[in-house]
Amino acid sequence: MNARATLMAGALAGFFTVLLGAVGAHALAGRPATELVLWHKAVHYQGLHALALLVTGLLLRHRDKGTLRWAAGLFLLGIGLFSGSLYLLALTGARPLSWVTPFGGSAFLVGWLLLALAVWRT
């Protein structure tokens, strides 16, 4: 991902964080507490990684490194797999979806390590 794509992904992920947070607060009221906890965890991690994408995009504007590109891609993949699977799990209760969640968490972790490595090298 280049700087522009990373910044756009971060901005859109932030937009959907607010939108999905509002959905959770209003449209899902009255749902079982376990489903709401999953939803809020998904929103929380999506929001954190929207910010991570924005920071990574800003760094890419000044220093276009492959490591930063990989970090951005992994943050985006993590949002899709981690938060996406939790959203679906909260909405459908389909437990087989839960096997995807750890892969998203792993993508987040590797993305953070790559971001740290890129910063260390500069």
PDB file of N, CA and C in Angstrom:
ATOM      1  N   MET A   1       0.852  -1.187   0.000  1.00  0.00           N
ATOM      2  CA  MET A   1       0.000   0.000   0.000  1.00  0.00           C
ATOM      3  C   MET A   1       0.889   1.239   0.000  1.00  0.00           C
ATOM      4  N   ASN A   2       0.528   2.223  -0.783  1.00  0.00           N
ATOM      5  CA  ASN A   2       1.271   3.476  -0.766  1.00  0.00           C
ATOM      6  C   ASN A   2       0.658   4.411   0.287  1.00  0.00           C
ATOM      7  N   ALA A   3       1.258   5.583   0.436  1.00  0.00           N
ATOM      8  CA  ALA A   3       0.817   6.517   1.473  1.00  0.00           C
ATOM      9  C   ALA A   3      -0.640   6.922   1.281  1.00  0.00           C
ATOM     10  N   ARG A   4      -1.014   7.255   0.062  1.00  0.00           N
ATOM     11  CA  ARG A   4      -2.388   7.717  -0.189  1.00  0.00           C
ATOM     12  C   ARG A   4      -3.408   6.618   0.116  1.00  0.00           C
ATOM     13  N   ALA A   5      -3.149   5.410  -0.355  1.00  0.00           N
ATOM     14  CA  ALA A   5      -4.073   4.301  -0.109  1.00  0.00           C
ATOM     15  C   ALA A   5      -4.167   3.988   1.382  1.00  0.00           C
ATOM     16  N   THR A   6      -3.043   4.070   2.071  1.00  0.00           N
ATOM     17  CA  THR A   6      -3.034   3.795   3.513  1.00  0.00           C
ATOM     18  C   THR A   6      -3.824   4.853   4.265  1.00  0.00           C
ATOM     19  N   LEU A   7      -3.634   6.112   3.902  1.00  0.00           N
ATOM     20  CA  LEU A   7      -4.384   7.194   4.558  1.00  0.00           C
ATOM     21  C   LEU A   7      -5.880   7.089   4.260  1.00  0.00           C
ATOM     22  N   MET A   8      -6.223   6.756   3.022  1.00  0.00           N
ATOM     23  CA  MET A   8      -7.644   6.575   2.677  1.00  0.00           C
ATOM     24  C   MET A   8      -8.242   5.403   3.461  1.00  0.00           C
ATOM     25  N   ALA A   9      -7.498   4.298   3.549  1.00  0.00           N
ATOM     26  CA  ALA A   9      -7.985   3.136   4.308  1.00  0.00           C
ATOM     27  C   ALA A   9      -8.175   3.499   5.774  1.00  0.00           C
ATOM     28  N   GLY A  10      -7.245   4.267   6.330  1.00  0.00           N
ATOM     29  CA  GLY A  10      -7.374   4.689   7.728  1.00  0.00           C
ATOM     30  C   GLY A  10      -8.575   5.598   7.941  1.00  0.00           C
ATOM     31  N   ALA A  11      -8.771   6.527   7.018  1.00  0.00           N
ATOM     32  CA  ALA A  11      -9.908   7.442   7.136  1.00  0.00           C
ATOM     33  C   ALA A  11     -11.238   6.690   7.012  1.00  0.00           C
ATOM     34  N   LEU A  12     -11.319   5.776   6.062  1.00  0.00           N
ATOM     35  CA  LEU A  12     -12.557   5.001   5.892  1.00  0.00           C
ATOM     36  C   LEU A  12     -12.782   4.039   7.056  1.00  0.00           C
ATOM     37  N   ALA A  13     -11.711   3.445   7.555  1.00  0.00           N
ATOM     38  CA  ALA A  13     -11.848   2.572   8.725  1.00  0.00           C
ATOM     39  C   ALA A  13     -12.337   3.387   9.923  1.00  0.00           C
ATOM     40  N   GLY A  14     -11.853   4.623  10.053  1.00  0.00           N
ATOM     41  CA  GLY A  14     -12.332   5.497  11.128  1.00  0.00           C
ATOM     42  C   GLY A  14     -13.801   5.842  10.964  1.00  0.00           C
ATOM     43  N   PHE A  15     -14.213   6.142   9.738  1.00  0.00           N
ATOM     44  CA  PHE A  15     -15.617   6.432   9.453  1.00  0.00           C
ATOM     45  C   PHE A  15     -16.498   5.252   9.855  1.00  0.00           C
ATOM     46  N   PHE A  16     -16.095   4.049   9.416  1.00  0.00           N
ATOM     47  CA  PHE A  16     -16.906   2.872   9.731  1.00  0.00           C
ATOM     48  C   PHE A  16     -16.837   2.500  11.210  1.00  0.00           C
ATOM     49  N   THR A  17     -15.770   2.901  11.894  1.00  0.00           N
ATOM     50  CA  THR A  17     -15.707   2.692  13.338  1.00  0.00           C
ATOM     51  C   THR A  17     -16.826   3.470  14.025  1.00  0.00           C
ATOM     52  N   VAL A  18     -16.966   4.731  13.652  1.00  0.00           N
ATOM     53  CA  VAL A  18     -18.014   5.565  14.241  1.00  0.00           C
ATOM     54  C   VAL A  18     -19.400   5.045  13.851  1.00  0.00           C
ATOM     55  N   LEU A  19     -19.565   4.720  12.575  1.00  0.00           N
ATOM     56  CA  LEU A  19     -20.850   4.214  12.102  1.00  0.00           C
ATOM     57  C   LEU A  19     -21.240   2.917  12.815  1.00  0.00           C
ATOM     58  N   LEU A  20     -20.327   1.966  12.862  1.00  0.00           N
ATOM     59  CA  LEU A  20     -20.636   0.677  13.497  1.00  0.00           C
ATOM     60  C   LEU A  20     -20.758   0.806  15.011  1.00  0.00           C
ATOM     61  N   GLY A  21     -20.044   1.749  15.598  1.00  0.00           N
ATOM     62  CA  GLY A  21     -20.232   2.020  17.026  1.00  0.00           C
ATOM     63  C   GLY A  21     -21.635   2.525  17.302  1.00  0.00           C
ATOM     64  N   ALA A  22     -22.133   3.396  16.422  1.00  0.00           N
ATOM     65  CA  ALA A  22     -23.500   3.907  16.576  1.00  0.00           C
ATOM     66  C   ALA A  22     -24.524   2.798  16.369  1.00  0.00           C
ATOM     67  N   VAL A  23     -24.279   1.937  15.391  1.00  0.00           N
ATOM     68  CA  VAL A  23     -25.179   0.801  15.171  1.00  0.00           C
ATOM     69  C   VAL A  23     -25.242  -0.050  16.434  1.00  0.00           C
ATOM     70  N   GLY A  24     -24.074  -0.319  17.005  1.00  0.00           N
ATOM     71  CA  GLY A  24     -24.036  -1.119  18.228  1.00  0.00           C
ATOM     72  C   GLY A  24     -24.761  -0.471  19.384  1.00  0.00           C
ATOM     73  N   ALA A  25     -24.641   0.842  19.490  1.00  0.00           N
ATOM     74  CA  ALA A  25     -25.268   1.554  20.598  1.00  0.00           C
ATOM     75  C   ALA A  25     -26.772   1.685  20.443  1.00  0.00           C
ATOM     76  N   HIS A  26     -27.259   1.764  19.211  1.00  0.00           N
ATOM     77  CA  HIS A  26     -28.680   2.038  19.006  1.00  0.00           C
ATOM     78  C   HIS A  26     -29.450   0.853  18.422  1.00  0.00           C
ATOM     79  N   ALA A  27     -29.005   0.360  17.295  1.00  0.00           N
ATOM     80  CA  ALA A  27     -29.772  -0.685  16.605  1.00  0.00           C
ATOM     81  C   ALA A  27     -29.677  -2.045  17.288  1.00  0.00           C
ATOM     82  N   LEU A  28     -28.602  -2.269  18.041  1.00  0.00           N
ATOM     83  CA  LEU A  28     -28.434  -3.567  18.693  1.00  0.00           C
ATOM     84  C   LEU A  28     -28.849  -3.557  20.162  1.00  0.00           C
ATOM     85  N   ALA A  29     -29.437  -2.469  20.597  1.00  0.00           N
ATOM     86  CA  ALA A  29     -29.913  -2.402  21.991  1.00  0.00           C
ATOM     87  C   ALA A  29     -30.914  -3.528  22.232  1.00  0.00           C
ATOM     88  N   GLY A  30     -30.789  -4.162  23.353  1.00  0.00           N
ATOM     89  CA  GLY A  30     -31.685  -5.251  23.679  1.00  0.00           C
ATOM     90  C   GLY A  30     -31.158  -6.619  23.274  1.00  0.00           C
ATOM     91  N   ARG A  31     -30.043  -6.655  22.541  1.00  0.00           N
ATOM     92  CA  ARG A  31     -29.432  -7.936  22.181  1.00  0.00           C
ATOM     93  C   ARG A  31     -28.733  -8.512  23.409  1.00  0.00           C
ATOM     94  N   PRO A  32     -28.439  -9.795  23.419  1.00  0.00           N
ATOM     95  CA  PRO A  32     -27.733 -10.387  24.568  1.00  0.00           C
ATOM     96  C   PRO A  32     -26.399  -9.696  24.831  1.00  0.00           C
ATOM     97  N   ALA A  33     -26.032  -9.615  26.093  1.00  0.00           N
ATOM     98  CA  ALA A  33     -24.811  -8.921  26.497  1.00  0.00           C
ATOM     99  C   ALA A  33     -23.574  -9.501  25.832  1.00  0.00           C
ATOM    100  N   THR A  34     -23.521 -10.798  25.638  1.00  0.00           N
ATOM    101  CA  THR A  34     -22.342 -11.405  25.008  1.00  0.00           C
ATOM    102  C   THR A  34     -22.165 -10.903  23.575  1.00  0.00           C
ATOM    103  N   GLU A  35     -23.253 -10.711  22.859  1.00  0.00           N
ATOM    104  CA  GLU A  35     -23.174 -10.201  21.492  1.00  0.00           C
ATOM    105  C   GLU A  35     -22.707  -8.744  21.477  1.00  0.00           C
ATOM    106  N   LEU A  36     -23.196  -7.965  22.431  1.00  0.00           N
ATOM    107  CA  LEU A  36     -22.791  -6.560  22.502  1.00  0.00           C
ATOM    108  C   LEU A  36     -21.319  -6.424  22.871  1.00  0.00           C
ATOM    109  N   VAL A  37     -20.838  -7.299  23.745  1.00  0.00           N
ATOM    110  CA  VAL A  37     -19.423  -7.271  24.111  1.00  0.00           C
ATOM    111  C   VAL A  37     -18.561  -7.556  22.879  1.00  0.00           C
ATOM    112  N   LEU A  38     -18.947  -8.548  22.099  1.00  0.00           N
ATOM    113  CA  LEU A  38     -18.206  -8.858  20.870  1.00  0.00           C
ATOM    114  C   LEU A  38     -18.216  -7.669  19.912  1.00  0.00           C
ATOM    115  N   TRP A  39     -19.383  -7.067  19.758  1.00  0.00           N
ATOM    116  CA  TRP A  39     -19.517  -5.921  18.850  1.00  0.00           C
ATOM    117  C   TRP A  39     -18.612  -4.775  19.282  1.00  0.00           C
ATOM    118  N   HIS A  40     -18.644  -4.461  20.576  1.00  0.00           N
ATOM    119  CA  HIS A  40     -17.843  -3.339  21.072  1.00  0.00           C
ATOM    120  C   HIS A  40     -16.349  -3.630  20.988  1.00  0.00           C
ATOM    121  N   LYS A  41     -15.957  -4.876  21.188  1.00  0.00           N
ATOM    122  CA  LYS A  41     -14.550  -5.246  21.036  1.00  0.00           C
ATOM    123  C   LYS A  41     -14.121  -5.061  19.582  1.00  0.00           C
ATOM    124  N   ALA A  42     -14.973  -5.459  18.643  1.00  0.00           N
ATOM    125  CA  ALA A  42     -14.671  -5.285  17.221  1.00  0.00           C
ATOM    126  C   ALA A  42     -14.513  -3.802  16.886  1.00  0.00           C
ATOM    127  N   VAL A  43     -15.424  -2.977  17.378  1.00  0.00           N
ATOM    128  CA  VAL A  43     -15.360  -1.531  17.126  1.00  0.00           C
ATOM    129  C   VAL A  43     -14.084  -0.945  17.728  1.00  0.00           C
ATOM    130  N   HIS A  44     -13.761  -1.353  18.940  1.00  0.00           N
ATOM    131  CA  HIS A  44     -12.577  -0.840  19.632  1.00  0.00           C
ATOM    132  C   HIS A  44     -11.298  -1.138  18.836  1.00  0.00           C
ATOM    133  N   TYR A  45     -11.121  -2.394  18.453  1.00  0.00           N
ATOM    134  CA  TYR A  45      -9.918  -2.766  17.716  1.00  0.00           C
ATOM    135  C   TYR A  45      -9.886  -2.152  16.323  1.00  0.00           C
ATOM    136  N   GLN A  46     -11.033  -2.002  15.703  1.00  0.00           N
ATOM    137  CA  GLN A  46     -11.069  -1.340  14.399  1.00  0.00           C
ATOM    138  C   GLN A  46     -10.632   0.107  14.544  1.00  0.00           C
ATOM    139  N   GLY A  47     -11.119   0.788  15.573  1.00  0.00           N
ATOM    140  CA  GLY A  47     -10.746   2.188  15.788  1.00  0.00           C
ATOM    141  C   GLY A  47      -9.260   2.363  16.061  1.00  0.00           C
ATOM    142  N   LEU A  48      -8.704   1.483  16.886  1.00  0.00           N
ATOM    143  CA  LEU A  48      -7.268   1.562  17.170  1.00  0.00           C
ATOM    144  C   LEU A  48      -6.445   1.384  15.896  1.00  0.00           C
ATOM    145  N   HIS A  49      -6.878   0.456  15.063  1.00  0.00           N
ATOM    146  CA  HIS A  49      -6.094   0.176  13.871  1.00  0.00           C
ATOM    147  C   HIS A  49      -6.390   1.134  12.728  1.00  0.00           C
ATOM    148  N   ALA A  50      -7.519   1.845  12.794  1.00  0.00           N
ATOM    149  CA  ALA A  50      -7.735   2.961  11.872  1.00  0.00           C
ATOM    150  C   ALA A  50      -6.684   4.041  12.157  1.00  0.00           C
ATOM    151  N   LEU A  51      -6.448   4.299  13.432  1.00  0.00           N
ATOM    152  CA  LEU A  51      -5.412   5.271  13.805  1.00  0.00           C
ATOM    153  C   LEU A  51      -4.026   4.776  13.413  1.00  0.00           C
ATOM    154  N   ALA A  52      -3.791   3.473  13.585  1.00  0.00           N
ATOM    155  CA  ALA A  52      -2.501   2.910  13.184  1.00  0.00           C
ATOM    156  C   ALA A  52      -2.287   3.072  11.679  1.00  0.00           C
ATOM    157  N   LEU A  53      -3.330   2.889  10.905  1.00  0.00           N
ATOM    158  CA  LEU A  53      -3.223   3.095   9.464  1.00  0.00           C
ATOM    159  C   LEU A  53      -2.896   4.552   9.134  1.00  0.00           C
ATOM    160  N   LEU A  54      -3.519   5.476   9.838  1.00  0.00           N
ATOM    161  CA  LEU A  54      -3.246   6.891   9.582  1.00  0.00           C
ATOM    162  C   LEU A  54      -1.796   7.238   9.916  1.00  0.00           C
ATOM    163  N   VAL A  55      -1.301   6.748  11.039  1.00  0.00           N
ATOM    164  CA  VAL A  55       0.095   6.997  11.415  1.00  0.00           C
ATOM    165  C   VAL A  55       1.039   6.377  10.392  1.00  0.00           C
ATOM    166  N   THR A  56       0.743   5.150   9.998  1.00  0.00           N
ATOM    167  CA  THR A  56       1.588   4.466   9.017  1.00  0.00           C
ATOM    168  C   THR A  56       1.560   5.206   7.681  1.00  0.00           C
ATOM    169  N   GLY A  57       0.393   5.692   7.286  1.00  0.00           N
ATOM    170  CA  GLY A  57       0.287   6.464   6.050  1.00  0.00           C
ATOM    171  C   GLY A  57       1.102   7.741   6.094  1.00  0.00           C
ATOM    172  N   LEU A  58       1.087   8.410   7.233  1.00  0.00           N
ATOM    173  CA  LEU A  58       1.896   9.628   7.368  1.00  0.00           C
ATOM    174  C   LEU A  58       3.382   9.300   7.301  1.00  0.00           C
ATOM    175  N   LEU A  59       3.785   8.212   7.916  1.00  0.00           N
ATOM    176  CA  LEU A  59       5.186   7.798   7.831  1.00  0.00           C
ATOM    177  C   LEU A  59       5.570   7.440   6.393  1.00  0.00           C
ATOM    178  N   LEU A  60       4.654   6.807   5.684  1.00  0.00           N
ATOM    179  CA  LEU A  60       4.922   6.451   4.288  1.00  0.00           C
ATOM    180  C   LEU A  60       5.117   7.682   3.411  1.00  0.00           C
ATOM    181  N   ARG A  61       4.511   8.795   3.775  1.00  0.00           N
ATOM    182  CA  ARG A  61       4.688  10.027   2.988  1.00  0.00           C
ATOM    183  C   ARG A  61       6.125  10.527   3.054  1.00  0.00           C
ATOM    184  N   HIS A  62       6.788  10.223   4.164  1.00  0.00           N
ATOM    185  CA  HIS A  62       8.151  10.729   4.356  1.00  0.00           C
ATOM    186  C   HIS A  62       9.223   9.678   4.061  1.00  0.00           C
ATOM    187  N   ARG A  63       8.843   8.438   4.188  1.00  0.00           N
ATOM    188  CA  ARG A  63       9.823   7.370   3.997  1.00  0.00           C
ATOM    189  C   ARG A  63       9.087   6.140   3.493  1.00  0.00           C
ATOM    190  N   ASP A  64       9.124   5.937   2.216  1.00  0.00           N
ATOM    191  CA  ASP A  64       8.387   4.831   1.600  1.00  0.00           C
ATOM    192  C   ASP A  64       9.201   3.548   1.730  1.00  0.00           C
ATOM    193  N   LYS A  65       8.897   2.801   2.742  1.00  0.00           N
ATOM    194  CA  LYS A  65       9.604   1.553   3.023  1.00  0.00           C
ATOM    195  C   LYS A  65       8.670   0.372   2.848  1.00  0.00           C
ATOM    196  N   GLY A  66       9.212  -0.703   2.343  1.00  0.00           N
ATOM    197  CA  GLY A  66       8.425  -1.924   2.197  1.00  0.00           C
ATOM    198  C   GLY A  66       7.876  -2.408   3.519  1.00  0.00           C
ATOM    199  N   THR A  67       8.645  -2.218   4.584  1.00  0.00           N
ATOM    200  CA  THR A  67       8.198  -2.646   5.910  1.00  0.00           C
ATOM    201  C   THR A  67       6.931  -1.901   6.325  1.00  0.00           C
ATOM    202  N   LEU A  68       6.884  -0.604   6.043  1.00  0.00           N
ATOM    203  CA  LEU A  68       5.691   0.178   6.370  1.00  0.00           C
ATOM    204  C   LEU A  68       4.505  -0.254   5.527  1.00  0.00           C
ATOM    205  N   ARG A  69       4.757  -0.580   4.279  1.00  0.00           N
ATOM    206  CA  ARG A  69       3.671  -1.049   3.401  1.00  0.00           C
ATOM    207  C   ARG A  69       3.089  -2.362   3.926  1.00  0.00           C
ATOM    208  N   TRP A  70       3.951  -3.246   4.347  1.00  0.00           N
ATOM    209  CA  TRP A  70       3.481  -4.514   4.911  1.00  0.00           C
ATOM    210  C   TRP A  70       2.697  -4.279   6.195  1.00  0.00           C
ATOM    211  N   ALA A  71       3.184  -3.381   7.032  1.00  0.00           N
ATOM    212  CA  ALA A  71       2.476  -3.074   8.286  1.00  0.00           C
ATOM    213  C   ALA A  71       1.068  -2.573   7.977  1.00  0.00           C
ATOM    214  N   ALA A  72       0.957  -1.667   7.013  1.00  0.00           N
ATOM    215  CA  ALA A  72      -0.353  -1.126   6.645  1.00  0.00           C
ATOM    216  C   ALA A  72      -1.272  -2.237   6.142  1.00  0.00           C
ATOM    217  N   GLY A  73      -0.747  -3.075   5.282  1.00  0.00           N
ATOM    218  CA  GLY A  73      -1.549  -4.179   4.757  1.00  0.00           C
ATOM    219  C   GLY A  73      -2.020  -5.126   5.849  1.00  0.00           C
ATOM    220  N   LEU A  74      -1.142  -5.386   6.809  1.00  0.00           N
ATOM    221  CA  LEU A  74      -1.515  -6.273   7.907  1.00  0.00           C
ATOM    222  C   LEU A  74      -2.532  -5.633   8.839  1.00  0.00           C
ATOM    223  N   PHE A  75      -2.437  -4.326   9.058  1.00  0.00           N
ATOM    224  CA  PHE A  75      -3.459  -3.647   9.858  1.00  0.00           C
ATOM    225  C   PHE A  75      -4.822  -3.755   9.182  1.00  0.00           C
ATOM    226  N   LEU A  76      -4.839  -3.547   7.886  1.00  0.00           N
ATOM    227  CA  LEU A  76      -6.095  -3.639   7.139  1.00  0.00           C
ATOM    228  C   LEU A  76      -6.625  -5.075   7.137  1.00  0.00           C
ATOM    229  N   LEU A  77      -5.756  -6.033   6.924  1.00  0.00           N
ATOM    230  CA  LEU A  77      -6.154  -7.435   6.982  1.00  0.00           C
ATOM    231  C   LEU A  77      -6.688  -7.790   8.368  1.00  0.00           C
ATOM    232  N   GLY A  78      -6.027  -7.298   9.399  1.00  0.00           N
ATOM    233  CA  GLY A  78      -6.469  -7.557  10.770  1.00  0.00           C
ATOM    234  C   GLY A  78      -7.849  -6.998  11.044  1.00  0.00           C
ATOM    235  N   ILE A  79      -8.125  -5.800  10.536  1.00  0.00           N
ATOM    236  CA  ILE A  79      -9.459  -5.226  10.701  1.00  0.00           C
ATOM    237  C   ILE A  79     -10.493  -6.140  10.057  1.00  0.00           C
ATOM    238  N   GLY A  80     -10.193  -6.580   8.850  1.00  0.00           N
ATOM    239  CA  GLY A  80     -11.140  -7.451   8.148  1.00  0.00           C
ATOM    240  C   GLY A  80     -11.358  -8.770   8.856  1.00  0.00           C
ATOM    241  N   LEU A  81     -10.275  -9.414   9.265  1.00  0.00           N
ATOM    242  CA  LEU A  81     -10.402 -10.735   9.868  1.00  0.00           C
ATOM    243  C   LEU A  81     -10.848 -10.679  11.327  1.00  0.00           C
ATOM    244  N   PHE A  82     -10.199  -9.842  12.123  1.00  0.00           N
ATOM    245  CA  PHE A  82     -10.511  -9.783  13.556  1.00  0.00           C
ATOM    246  C   PHE A  82     -11.863  -9.119  13.785  1.00  0.00           C
ATOM    247  N   SER A  83     -11.949  -7.851  13.416  1.00  0.00           N
ATOM    248  CA  SER A  83     -13.193  -7.121  13.663  1.00  0.00           C
ATOM    249  C   SER A  83     -14.338  -7.692  12.830  1.00  0.00           C
ATOM    250  N   GLY A  84     -14.056  -7.991  11.571  1.00  0.00           N
ATOM    251  CA  GLY A  84     -15.104  -8.544  10.707  1.00  0.00           C
ATOM    252  C   GLY A  84     -15.696  -9.825  11.253  1.00  0.00           C
ATOM    253  N   SER A  85     -14.847 -10.721  11.728  1.00  0.00           N
ATOM    254  CA  SER A  85     -15.372 -11.984  12.272  1.00  0.00           C
ATOM    255  C   SER A  85     -16.164 -11.755  13.550  1.00  0.00           C
ATOM    256  N   LEU A  86     -15.728 -10.794  14.362  1.00  0.00           N
ATOM    257  CA  LEU A  86     -16.490 -10.504  15.585  1.00  0.00           C
ATOM    258  C   LEU A  86     -17.834  -9.857  15.273  1.00  0.00           C
ATOM    259  N   TYR A  87     -17.875  -8.981  14.270  1.00  0.00           N
ATOM    260  CA  TYR A  87     -19.157  -8.400  13.860  1.00  0.00           C
ATOM    261  C   TYR A  87     -20.119  -9.503  13.421  1.00  0.00           C
ATOM    262  N   LEU A  88     -19.620 -10.391  12.568  1.00  0.00           N
ATOM    263  CA  LEU A  88     -20.469 -11.484  12.084  1.00  0.00           C
ATOM    264  C   LEU A  88     -20.886 -12.421  13.206  1.00  0.00           C
ATOM    265  N   LEU A  89     -19.976 -12.692  14.102  1.00  0.00           N
ATOM    266  CA  LEU A  89     -20.292 -13.556  15.233  1.00  0.00           C
ATOM    267  C   LEU A  89     -21.368 -12.921  16.114  1.00  0.00           C
ATOM    268  N   ALA A  90     -21.254 -11.617  16.346  1.00  0.00           N
ATOM    269  CA  ALA A  90     -22.251 -10.921  17.162  1.00  0.00           C
ATOM    270  C   ALA A  90     -23.619 -10.910  16.487  1.00  0.00           C
ATOM    271  N   LEU A  91     -23.634 -10.775  15.173  1.00  0.00           N
ATOM    272  CA  LEU A  91     -24.903 -10.707  14.448  1.00  0.00           C
ATOM    273  C   LEU A  91     -25.551 -12.069  14.228  1.00  0.00           C
ATOM    274  N   THR A  92     -24.730 -13.071  13.971  1.00  0.00           N
ATOM    275  CA  THR A  92     -25.281 -14.369  13.589  1.00  0.00           C
ATOM    276  C   THR A  92     -25.170 -15.433  14.670  1.00  0.00           C
ATOM    277  N   GLY A  93     -24.218 -15.261  15.578  1.00  0.00           N
ATOM    278  CA  GLY A  93     -23.987 -16.283  16.597  1.00  0.00           C
ATOM    279  C   GLY A  93     -23.325 -17.531  16.027  1.00  0.00           C
ATOM    280  N   ALA A  94     -22.872 -17.470  14.791  1.00  0.00           N
ATOM    281  CA  ALA A  94     -22.267 -18.628  14.129  1.00  0.00           C
ATOM    282  C   ALA A  94     -20.855 -18.850  14.668  1.00  0.00           C
ATOM    283  N   ARG A  95     -20.718 -19.750  15.595  1.00  0.00           N
ATOM    284  CA  ARG A  95     -19.436 -20.042  16.236  1.00  0.00           C
ATOM    285  C   ARG A  95     -18.339 -20.489  15.271  1.00  0.00           C
ATOM    286  N   PRO A  96     -18.658 -21.175  14.166  1.00  0.00           N
ATOM    287  CA  PRO A  96     -17.571 -21.560  13.265  1.00  0.00           C
ATOM    288  C   PRO A  96     -16.765 -20.365  12.742  1.00  0.00           C
ATOM    289  N   LEU A  97     -17.337 -19.174  12.783  1.00  0.00           N
ATOM    290  CA  LEU A  97     -16.615 -17.982  12.337  1.00  0.00           C
ATOM    291  C   LEU A  97     -15.480 -17.604  13.277  1.00  0.00           C
ATOM    292  N   SER A  98     -15.551 -18.069  14.512  1.00  0.00           N
ATOM    293  CA  SER A  98     -14.570 -17.642  15.514  1.00  0.00           C
ATOM    294  C   SER A  98     -13.161 -18.138  15.226  1.00  0.00           C
ATOM    295  N   TRP A  99     -12.981 -19.117  14.355  1.00  0.00           N
ATOM    296  CA  TRP A  99     -11.626 -19.594  14.045  1.00  0.00           C
ATOM    297  C   TRP A  99     -10.841 -18.546  13.257  1.00  0.00           C
ATOM    298  N   VAL A 100     -11.525 -17.605  12.626  1.00  0.00           N
ATOM    299  CA  VAL A 100     -10.862 -16.577  11.826  1.00  0.00           C
ATOM    300  C   VAL A 100     -10.248 -15.491  12.718  1.00  0.00           C
ATOM    301  N   THR A 101     -10.859 -15.228  13.842  1.00  0.00           N
ATOM    302  CA  THR A 101     -10.471 -14.114  14.702  1.00  0.00           C
ATOM    303  C   THR A 101      -8.990 -14.121  15.090  1.00  0.00           C
ATOM    304  N   PRO A 102      -8.423 -15.254  15.514  1.00  0.00           N
ATOM    305  CA  PRO A 102      -7.000 -15.238  15.888  1.00  0.00           C
ATOM    306  C   PRO A 102      -6.056 -14.870  14.737  1.00  0.00           C
ATOM    307  N   PHE A 103      -6.448 -15.183  13.503  1.00  0.00           N
ATOM    308  CA  PHE A 103      -5.612 -14.794  12.369  1.00  0.00           C
ATOM    309  C   PHE A 103      -5.587 -13.271  12.224  1.00  0.00           C
ATOM    310  N   GLY A 104      -6.724 -12.636  12.485  1.00  0.00           N
ATOM    311  CA  GLY A 104      -6.766 -11.177  12.464  1.00  0.00           C
ATOM    312  C   GLY A 104      -5.924 -10.580  13.574  1.00  0.00           C
ATOM    313  N   GLY A 105      -6.003 -11.180  14.761  1.00  0.00           N
ATOM    314  CA  GLY A 105      -5.174 -10.712  15.874  1.00  0.00           C
ATOM    315  C   GLY A 105      -3.698 -10.872  15.575  1.00  0.00           C
ATOM    316  N   SER A 106      -3.337 -11.974  14.933  1.00  0.00           N
ATOM    317  CA  SER A 106      -1.938 -12.190  14.550  1.00  0.00           C
ATOM    318  C   SER A 106      -1.492 -11.163  13.522  1.00  0.00           C
ATOM    319  N   ALA A 107      -2.370 -10.820  12.584  1.00  0.00           N
ATOM    320  CA  ALA A 107      -2.040  -9.785  11.598  1.00  0.00           C
ATOM    321  C   ALA A 107      -1.790  -8.450  12.294  1.00  0.00           C
ATOM    322  N   PHE A 108      -2.619  -8.119  13.282  1.00  0.00           N
ATOM    323  CA  PHE A 108      -2.390  -6.891  14.060  1.00  0.00           C
ATOM    324  C   PHE A 108      -1.008  -6.926  14.720  1.00  0.00           C
ATOM    325  N   LEU A 109      -0.689  -8.034  15.376  1.00  0.00           N
ATOM    326  CA  LEU A 109       0.575  -8.139  16.105  1.00  0.00           C
ATOM    327  C   LEU A 109       1.778  -7.998  15.178  1.00  0.00           C
ATOM    328  N   VAL A 110       1.754  -8.680  14.062  1.00  0.00           N
ATOM    329  CA  VAL A 110       2.872  -8.594  13.118  1.00  0.00           C
ATOM    330  C   VAL A 110       2.944  -7.191  12.523  1.00  0.00           C
ATOM    331  N   GLY A 111       1.789  -6.591  12.254  1.00  0.00           N
ATOM    332  CA  GLY A 111       1.773  -5.217  11.757  1.00  0.00           C
ATOM    333  C   GLY A 111       2.447  -4.256  12.726  1.00  0.00           C
ATOM    334  N   TRP A 112       2.159  -4.391  14.008  1.00  0.00           N
ATOM    335  CA  TRP A 112       2.791  -3.535  15.010  1.00  0.00           C
ATOM    336  C   TRP A 112       4.297  -3.769  15.081  1.00  0.00           C
ATOM    337  N   LEU A 113       4.710  -5.037  15.005  1.00  0.00           N
ATOM    338  CA  LEU A 113       6.148  -5.321  15.019  1.00  0.00           C
ATOM    339  C   LEU A 113       6.842  -4.727  13.799  1.00  0.00           C
ATOM    340  N   LEU A 114       6.213  -4.826  12.641  1.00  0.00           N
ATOM    341  CA  LEU A 114       6.799  -4.237  11.439  1.00  0.00           C
ATOM    342  C   LEU A 114       6.845  -2.714  11.520  1.00  0.00           C
ATOM    343  N   LEU A 115       5.822  -2.116  12.097  1.00  0.00           N
ATOM    344  CA  LEU A 115       5.839  -0.664  12.291  1.00  0.00           C
ATOM    345  C   LEU A 115       6.993  -0.279  13.210  1.00  0.00           C
ATOM    346  N   ALA A 116       7.174  -1.016  14.293  1.00  0.00           N
ATOM    347  CA  ALA A 116       8.285  -0.738  15.214  1.00  0.00           C
ATOM    348  C   ALA A 116       9.627  -0.906  14.512  1.00  0.00           C
ATOM    349  N   LEU A 117       9.743  -1.952  13.706  1.00  0.00           N
ATOM    350  CA  LEU A 117      10.992  -2.193  12.972  1.00  0.00           C
ATOM    351  C   LEU A 117      11.272  -1.063  11.987  1.00  0.00           C
ATOM    352  N   ALA A 118      10.251  -0.614  11.291  1.00  0.00           N
ATOM    353  CA  ALA A 118      10.430   0.487  10.333  1.00  0.00           C
ATOM    354  C   ALA A 118      10.866   1.765  11.037  1.00  0.00           C
ATOM    355  N   VAL A 119      10.269   2.038  12.191  1.00  0.00           N
ATOM    356  CA  VAL A 119      10.649   3.237  12.949  1.00  0.00           C
ATOM    357  C   VAL A 119      12.072   3.098  13.477  1.00  0.00           C
ATOM    358  N   TRP A 120      12.415   1.904  13.948  1.00  0.00           N
ATOM    359  CA  TRP A 120      13.763   1.653  14.474  1.00  0.00           C
ATOM    360  C   TRP A 120      14.834   1.903  13.404  1.00  0.00           C
ATOM    361  N   ARG A 121      14.517   1.520  12.167  1.00  0.00           N
ATOM    362  CA  ARG A 121      15.481   1.633  11.074  1.00  0.00           C
ATOM    363  C   ARG A 121      15.662   3.068  10.578  1.00  0.00           C
ATOM    364  N   THR A 122      14.725   3.971  10.919  1.00  0.00           N
ATOM    365  CA  THR A 122      14.846   5.344  10.392  1.00  0.00           C
ATOM    366  C   THR A 122      15.672   6.217  11.282  1.00  0.00           C
TER     367      THR A 122
END
